[in-house]
Amino acid sequence: MIEPLQYEPIIEKLVEKTKAGRVPWEDHGNSQFRCDLDQYKFFVWRYDDGYGLRMEDEYQRVLFSLRAEEEIIYSNPEKEHLFQTLSDLFELARRKALSVPDKLAGVAELLDKI
């Protein structure tokens, strides 16, 4: 039997570094965001009832790809954790790529002048 990949620590570090503002996320269109870390690329996206994450190397070969869907009742706590982690990563990447905090601050200033 093949041992499962240990991608969880990578995802946790990606979330942590994104929270710290150290990961350069960019808008990649269609509710998808991308960051380039040297020779590796990460893509995070939202679809119907879930989120996805893919890691590629410099030759665009997929190293891992995950999807997590929202469930009313999770039968497995690991599935729920993965869904929440990918959801958080997507939202953090979206905010960074679209400069949401800066834009909100700008709108607040405009509203103060009215």
N, C-alpha and C. Protein backbone atom coordinates (compact mmCIF):
# COMPACT_ATOMS: atom_id res chain seq x y z
N MET A 1 0.83 -1.18 0.00
CA MET A 1 0.00 0.00 0.00
C MET A 1 0.88 1.25 0.00
N ILE A 2 0.50 2.24 -0.79
CA ILE A 2 1.26 3.48 -0.89
C ILE A 2 0.91 4.38 0.27
N GLU A 3 1.95 4.95 0.87
CA GLU A 3 1.74 5.88 1.99
C GLU A 3 1.09 7.16 1.46
N PRO A 4 0.12 7.71 2.17
CA PRO A 4 -0.50 8.96 1.71
C PRO A 4 0.48 10.14 1.82
N LEU A 5 0.30 11.10 0.92
CA LEU A 5 1.13 12.29 0.95
C LEU A 5 0.83 13.12 2.20
N GLN A 6 1.85 13.73 2.74
CA GLN A 6 1.70 14.58 3.92
C GLN A 6 1.64 16.04 3.47
N TYR A 7 0.52 16.43 2.89
CA TYR A 7 0.36 17.79 2.40
C TYR A 7 -0.19 18.74 3.47
N GLU A 8 -0.74 18.22 4.56
CA GLU A 8 -1.34 19.06 5.59
C GLU A 8 -0.38 20.11 6.15
N PRO A 9 0.87 19.74 6.49
CA PRO A 9 1.79 20.77 7.01
C PRO A 9 2.05 21.89 5.99
N ILE A 10 2.07 21.56 4.71
CA ILE A 10 2.28 22.56 3.67
C ILE A 10 1.10 23.53 3.65
N ILE A 11 -0.11 22.98 3.73
CA ILE A 11 -1.31 23.83 3.70
C ILE A 11 -1.35 24.73 4.93
N GLU A 12 -1.03 24.18 6.09
CA GLU A 12 -1.03 24.97 7.32
C GLU A 12 -0.02 26.12 7.24
N LYS A 13 1.17 25.84 6.70
CA LYS A 13 2.18 26.89 6.56
C LYS A 13 1.74 27.93 5.54
N LEU A 14 1.08 27.49 4.48
CA LEU A 14 0.58 28.41 3.46
C LEU A 14 -0.46 29.35 4.08
N VAL A 15 -1.34 28.83 4.89
CA VAL A 15 -2.33 29.66 5.59
C VAL A 15 -1.62 30.63 6.54
N GLU A 16 -0.71 30.12 7.33
CA GLU A 16 0.02 30.94 8.31
C GLU A 16 0.77 32.09 7.63
N LYS A 17 1.51 31.78 6.56
CA LYS A 17 2.29 32.81 5.87
C LYS A 17 1.40 33.78 5.12
N THR A 18 0.25 33.30 4.64
CA THR A 18 -0.70 34.19 3.98
C THR A 18 -1.30 35.16 4.99
N LYS A 19 -1.64 34.67 6.18
CA LYS A 19 -2.15 35.55 7.24
C LYS A 19 -1.13 36.63 7.58
N ALA A 20 0.14 36.28 7.54
CA ALA A 20 1.21 37.22 7.87
C ALA A 20 1.52 38.16 6.70
N GLY A 21 0.85 37.97 5.57
CA GLY A 21 1.05 38.84 4.41
C GLY A 21 2.31 38.55 3.63
N ARG A 22 2.84 37.35 3.75
CA ARG A 22 4.12 37.02 3.12
C ARG A 22 3.99 36.19 1.85
N VAL A 23 2.75 35.88 1.44
CA VAL A 23 2.54 35.08 0.24
C VAL A 23 1.90 35.98 -0.83
N PRO A 24 2.52 36.06 -2.02
CA PRO A 24 2.06 36.97 -3.07
C PRO A 24 0.92 36.40 -3.93
N TRP A 25 -0.29 36.40 -3.42
CA TRP A 25 -1.43 35.87 -4.17
C TRP A 25 -1.85 36.86 -5.25
N GLU A 26 -2.26 36.30 -6.40
CA GLU A 26 -2.74 37.10 -7.54
C GLU A 26 -4.07 36.54 -8.01
N ASP A 27 -4.90 37.43 -8.56
CA ASP A 27 -6.17 37.01 -9.14
C ASP A 27 -5.88 36.23 -10.42
N HIS A 28 -6.43 35.05 -10.53
CA HIS A 28 -6.22 34.21 -11.72
C HIS A 28 -7.53 34.02 -12.48
N GLY A 29 -8.57 34.78 -12.10
CA GLY A 29 -9.86 34.74 -12.78
C GLY A 29 -10.74 33.58 -12.33
N ASN A 30 -12.03 33.72 -12.54
CA ASN A 30 -13.02 32.67 -12.24
C ASN A 30 -12.92 32.13 -10.81
N SER A 31 -12.89 33.03 -9.83
CA SER A 31 -12.81 32.64 -8.41
C SER A 31 -11.61 31.73 -8.13
N GLN A 32 -10.49 32.05 -8.79
CA GLN A 32 -9.25 31.29 -8.59
C GLN A 32 -8.11 32.27 -8.34
N PHE A 33 -7.25 31.91 -7.39
CA PHE A 33 -6.11 32.75 -7.05
C PHE A 33 -4.85 31.91 -7.08
N ARG A 34 -3.73 32.57 -7.43
CA ARG A 34 -2.48 31.85 -7.63
C ARG A 34 -1.33 32.57 -6.94
N CYS A 35 -0.40 31.78 -6.42
CA CYS A 35 0.84 32.36 -5.91
C CYS A 35 2.01 31.55 -6.45
N ASP A 36 3.09 32.26 -6.72
CA ASP A 36 4.32 31.64 -7.20
C ASP A 36 5.34 31.71 -6.07
N LEU A 37 5.85 30.55 -5.68
CA LEU A 37 6.89 30.47 -4.68
C LEU A 37 8.08 29.75 -5.31
N ASP A 38 9.01 30.55 -5.82
CA ASP A 38 10.15 30.02 -6.58
C ASP A 38 9.65 29.15 -7.72
N GLN A 39 10.01 27.88 -7.73
CA GLN A 39 9.61 27.02 -8.85
C GLN A 39 8.25 26.37 -8.65
N TYR A 40 7.57 26.68 -7.56
CA TYR A 40 6.26 26.06 -7.27
C TYR A 40 5.14 27.08 -7.40
N LYS A 41 3.99 26.59 -7.83
CA LYS A 41 2.80 27.42 -7.95
C LYS A 41 1.68 26.76 -7.17
N PHE A 42 0.91 27.58 -6.48
CA PHE A 42 -0.28 27.11 -5.78
C PHE A 42 -1.49 27.82 -6.37
N PHE A 43 -2.55 27.08 -6.55
CA PHE A 43 -3.82 27.61 -7.00
C PHE A 43 -4.88 27.24 -5.97
N VAL A 44 -5.68 28.21 -5.57
CA VAL A 44 -6.80 27.93 -4.68
C VAL A 44 -8.05 28.48 -5.36
N TRP A 45 -9.13 27.72 -5.30
CA TRP A 45 -10.34 28.14 -5.98
C TRP A 45 -11.58 27.72 -5.20
N ARG A 46 -12.68 28.38 -5.57
CA ARG A 46 -13.98 28.04 -4.99
C ARG A 46 -14.85 27.53 -6.12
N TYR A 47 -15.63 26.52 -5.84
CA TYR A 47 -16.61 26.01 -6.80
C TYR A 47 -17.89 25.73 -6.02
N ASP A 48 -18.94 25.36 -6.70
CA ASP A 48 -20.28 25.18 -6.12
C ASP A 48 -20.32 25.09 -4.60
N ASP A 49 -20.03 23.93 -4.05
CA ASP A 49 -20.14 23.71 -2.61
C ASP A 49 -18.80 23.43 -1.95
N GLY A 50 -17.74 23.91 -2.56
CA GLY A 50 -16.45 23.57 -1.96
C GLY A 50 -15.30 24.43 -2.44
N TYR A 51 -14.12 23.96 -2.07
CA TYR A 51 -12.87 24.65 -2.38
C TYR A 51 -11.85 23.64 -2.88
N GLY A 52 -10.87 24.15 -3.61
CA GLY A 52 -9.81 23.28 -4.11
C GLY A 52 -8.46 23.94 -3.95
N LEU A 53 -7.43 23.12 -3.94
CA LEU A 53 -6.05 23.58 -3.86
C LEU A 53 -5.20 22.65 -4.71
N ARG A 54 -4.32 23.25 -5.52
CA ARG A 54 -3.43 22.47 -6.37
C ARG A 54 -2.02 23.04 -6.27
N MET A 55 -1.05 22.16 -6.25
CA MET A 55 0.36 22.56 -6.25
C MET A 55 1.00 22.02 -7.52
N GLU A 56 1.74 22.89 -8.23
CA GLU A 56 2.43 22.50 -9.45
C GLU A 56 3.92 22.82 -9.33
N ASP A 57 4.72 22.10 -10.11
CA ASP A 57 6.15 22.42 -10.16
C ASP A 57 6.42 23.37 -11.33
N GLU A 58 7.70 23.64 -11.59
CA GLU A 58 8.07 24.59 -12.63
C GLU A 58 7.68 24.14 -14.04
N TYR A 59 7.37 22.87 -14.22
CA TYR A 59 6.96 22.34 -15.52
C TYR A 59 5.44 22.15 -15.61
N GLN A 60 4.73 22.74 -14.69
CA GLN A 60 3.27 22.69 -14.60
C GLN A 60 2.76 21.27 -14.36
N ARG A 61 3.59 20.45 -13.75
CA ARG A 61 3.14 19.11 -13.36
C ARG A 61 2.47 19.21 -12.00
N VAL A 62 1.32 18.60 -11.87
CA VAL A 62 0.56 18.65 -10.62
C VAL A 62 1.21 17.73 -9.60
N LEU A 63 1.61 18.31 -8.46
CA LEU A 63 2.21 17.54 -7.38
C LEU A 63 1.15 17.02 -6.43
N PHE A 64 0.13 17.84 -6.17
CA PHE A 64 -1.06 17.37 -5.47
C PHE A 64 -2.22 18.29 -5.79
N SER A 65 -3.41 17.74 -5.71
CA SER A 65 -4.63 18.49 -5.95
C SER A 65 -5.69 17.97 -4.98
N LEU A 66 -6.32 18.90 -4.28
CA LEU A 66 -7.31 18.53 -3.26
C LEU A 66 -8.61 19.27 -3.51
N ARG A 67 -9.69 18.65 -3.11
CA ARG A 67 -10.99 19.30 -3.12
C ARG A 67 -11.69 18.95 -1.82
N ALA A 68 -12.44 19.89 -1.31
CA ALA A 68 -13.20 19.66 -0.08
C ALA A 68 -14.56 20.30 -0.25
N GLU A 69 -15.60 19.51 -0.03
CA GLU A 69 -16.96 20.00 -0.17
C GLU A 69 -17.62 20.18 1.18
N GLU A 70 -18.49 21.18 1.24
CA GLU A 70 -19.24 21.42 2.46
C GLU A 70 -20.28 20.32 2.62
N GLU A 71 -20.40 19.84 3.84
CA GLU A 71 -21.39 18.81 4.15
C GLU A 71 -22.22 19.30 5.33
N ILE A 72 -23.47 18.86 5.39
CA ILE A 72 -24.33 19.25 6.51
C ILE A 72 -23.80 18.62 7.79
N ILE A 73 -23.51 17.35 7.73
CA ILE A 73 -22.92 16.64 8.87
C ILE A 73 -21.70 15.89 8.34
N TYR A 74 -20.56 16.22 8.90
CA TYR A 74 -19.32 15.56 8.46
C TYR A 74 -19.18 14.22 9.19
N SER A 75 -19.00 13.18 8.41
CA SER A 75 -18.80 11.85 9.01
C SER A 75 -17.36 11.67 9.48
N ASN A 76 -16.48 12.53 8.98
CA ASN A 76 -15.07 12.43 9.29
C ASN A 76 -14.55 13.82 9.68
N PRO A 77 -14.02 13.99 10.88
CA PRO A 77 -13.51 15.30 11.31
C PRO A 77 -12.38 15.82 10.42
N GLU A 78 -11.61 14.93 9.80
CA GLU A 78 -10.53 15.36 8.91
C GLU A 78 -11.09 16.07 7.68
N LYS A 79 -12.23 15.59 7.17
CA LYS A 79 -12.86 16.23 6.03
C LYS A 79 -13.33 17.64 6.39
N GLU A 80 -13.89 17.77 7.59
CA GLU A 80 -14.36 19.08 8.03
C GLU A 80 -13.18 20.04 8.20
N HIS A 81 -12.09 19.56 8.78
CA HIS A 81 -10.90 20.38 8.97
C HIS A 81 -10.33 20.84 7.62
N LEU A 82 -10.27 19.92 6.65
CA LEU A 82 -9.76 20.27 5.33
C LEU A 82 -10.65 21.32 4.68
N PHE A 83 -11.96 21.14 4.78
CA PHE A 83 -12.88 22.12 4.21
C PHE A 83 -12.65 23.49 4.83
N GLN A 84 -12.57 23.56 6.15
CA GLN A 84 -12.39 24.84 6.83
C GLN A 84 -11.05 25.47 6.48
N THR A 85 -10.01 24.66 6.40
CA THR A 85 -8.68 25.18 6.07
C THR A 85 -8.65 25.74 4.65
N LEU A 86 -9.22 25.01 3.69
CA LEU A 86 -9.24 25.50 2.31
C LEU A 86 -10.13 26.73 2.18
N SER A 87 -11.22 26.76 2.92
CA SER A 87 -12.10 27.93 2.93
C SER A 87 -11.34 29.16 3.45
N ASP A 88 -10.62 29.00 4.54
CA ASP A 88 -9.82 30.10 5.11
C ASP A 88 -8.74 30.55 4.13
N LEU A 89 -8.04 29.59 3.52
CA LEU A 89 -6.99 29.94 2.58
C LEU A 89 -7.55 30.69 1.39
N PHE A 90 -8.68 30.25 0.87
CA PHE A 90 -9.30 30.94 -0.26
C PHE A 90 -9.63 32.38 0.11
N GLU A 91 -10.25 32.58 1.27
CA GLU A 91 -10.64 33.93 1.68
C GLU A 91 -9.42 34.81 1.91
N LEU A 92 -8.38 34.29 2.52
CA LEU A 92 -7.16 35.05 2.73
C LEU A 92 -6.50 35.42 1.40
N ALA A 93 -6.44 34.46 0.48
CA ALA A 93 -5.85 34.71 -0.84
C ALA A 93 -6.67 35.75 -1.61
N ARG A 94 -7.99 35.65 -1.53
CA ARG A 94 -8.87 36.60 -2.21
C ARG A 94 -8.64 38.01 -1.69
N ARG A 95 -8.59 38.15 -0.37
CA ARG A 95 -8.37 39.48 0.23
C ARG A 95 -7.03 40.07 -0.19
N LYS A 96 -6.00 39.22 -0.22
CA LYS A 96 -4.66 39.69 -0.59
C LYS A 96 -4.61 40.06 -2.08
N ALA A 97 -5.09 39.19 -2.93
CA ALA A 97 -5.01 39.40 -4.38
C ALA A 97 -5.82 40.61 -4.82
N LEU A 98 -6.96 40.83 -4.19
CA LEU A 98 -7.82 41.95 -4.58
C LEU A 98 -7.61 43.20 -3.74
N SER A 99 -6.64 43.17 -2.84
CA SER A 99 -6.33 44.31 -1.95
C SER A 99 -7.58 44.79 -1.21
N VAL A 100 -8.37 43.86 -0.72
CA VAL A 100 -9.64 44.19 -0.07
C VAL A 100 -9.47 45.12 1.13
N PRO A 101 -8.54 44.86 2.07
CA PRO A 101 -8.42 45.78 3.21
C PRO A 101 -8.09 47.22 2.80
N ASP A 102 -7.20 47.37 1.82
CA ASP A 102 -6.84 48.72 1.36
C ASP A 102 -8.03 49.42 0.71
N LYS A 103 -8.80 48.68 -0.07
CA LYS A 103 -9.96 49.26 -0.74
C LYS A 103 -11.04 49.65 0.27
N LEU A 104 -11.23 48.82 1.29
CA LEU A 104 -12.20 49.17 2.32
C LEU A 104 -11.77 50.43 3.08
N ALA A 105 -10.48 50.55 3.36
CA ALA A 105 -9.97 51.74 4.03
C ALA A 105 -10.17 52.98 3.15
N GLY A 106 -9.95 52.82 1.85
CA GLY A 106 -10.16 53.92 0.91
C GLY A 106 -11.61 54.37 0.86
N VAL A 107 -12.51 53.41 0.85
CA VAL A 107 -13.95 53.73 0.84
C VAL A 107 -14.34 54.42 2.14
N ALA A 108 -13.80 53.96 3.25
CA ALA A 108 -14.10 54.59 4.54
C ALA A 108 -13.67 56.05 4.53
N GLU A 109 -12.50 56.34 3.95
CA GLU A 109 -12.03 57.73 3.84
C GLU A 109 -12.95 58.55 2.97
N LEU A 110 -13.39 57.98 1.84
CA LEU A 110 -14.32 58.68 0.96
C LEU A 110 -15.62 59.00 1.68
N LEU A 111 -16.13 58.04 2.40
CA LEU A 111 -17.39 58.24 3.13
C LEU A 111 -17.23 59.30 4.23
N ASP A 112 -16.05 59.36 4.83
CA ASP A 112 -15.81 60.37 5.86
C ASP A 112 -15.84 61.79 5.27
N LYS A 113 -15.50 61.93 3.99
CA LYS A 113 -15.46 63.24 3.33
C LYS A 113 -16.84 63.71 2.86
N ILE A 114 -17.78 62.81 2.82
CA ILE A 114 -19.13 63.16 2.33
C ILE A 114 -19.88 63.94 3.37
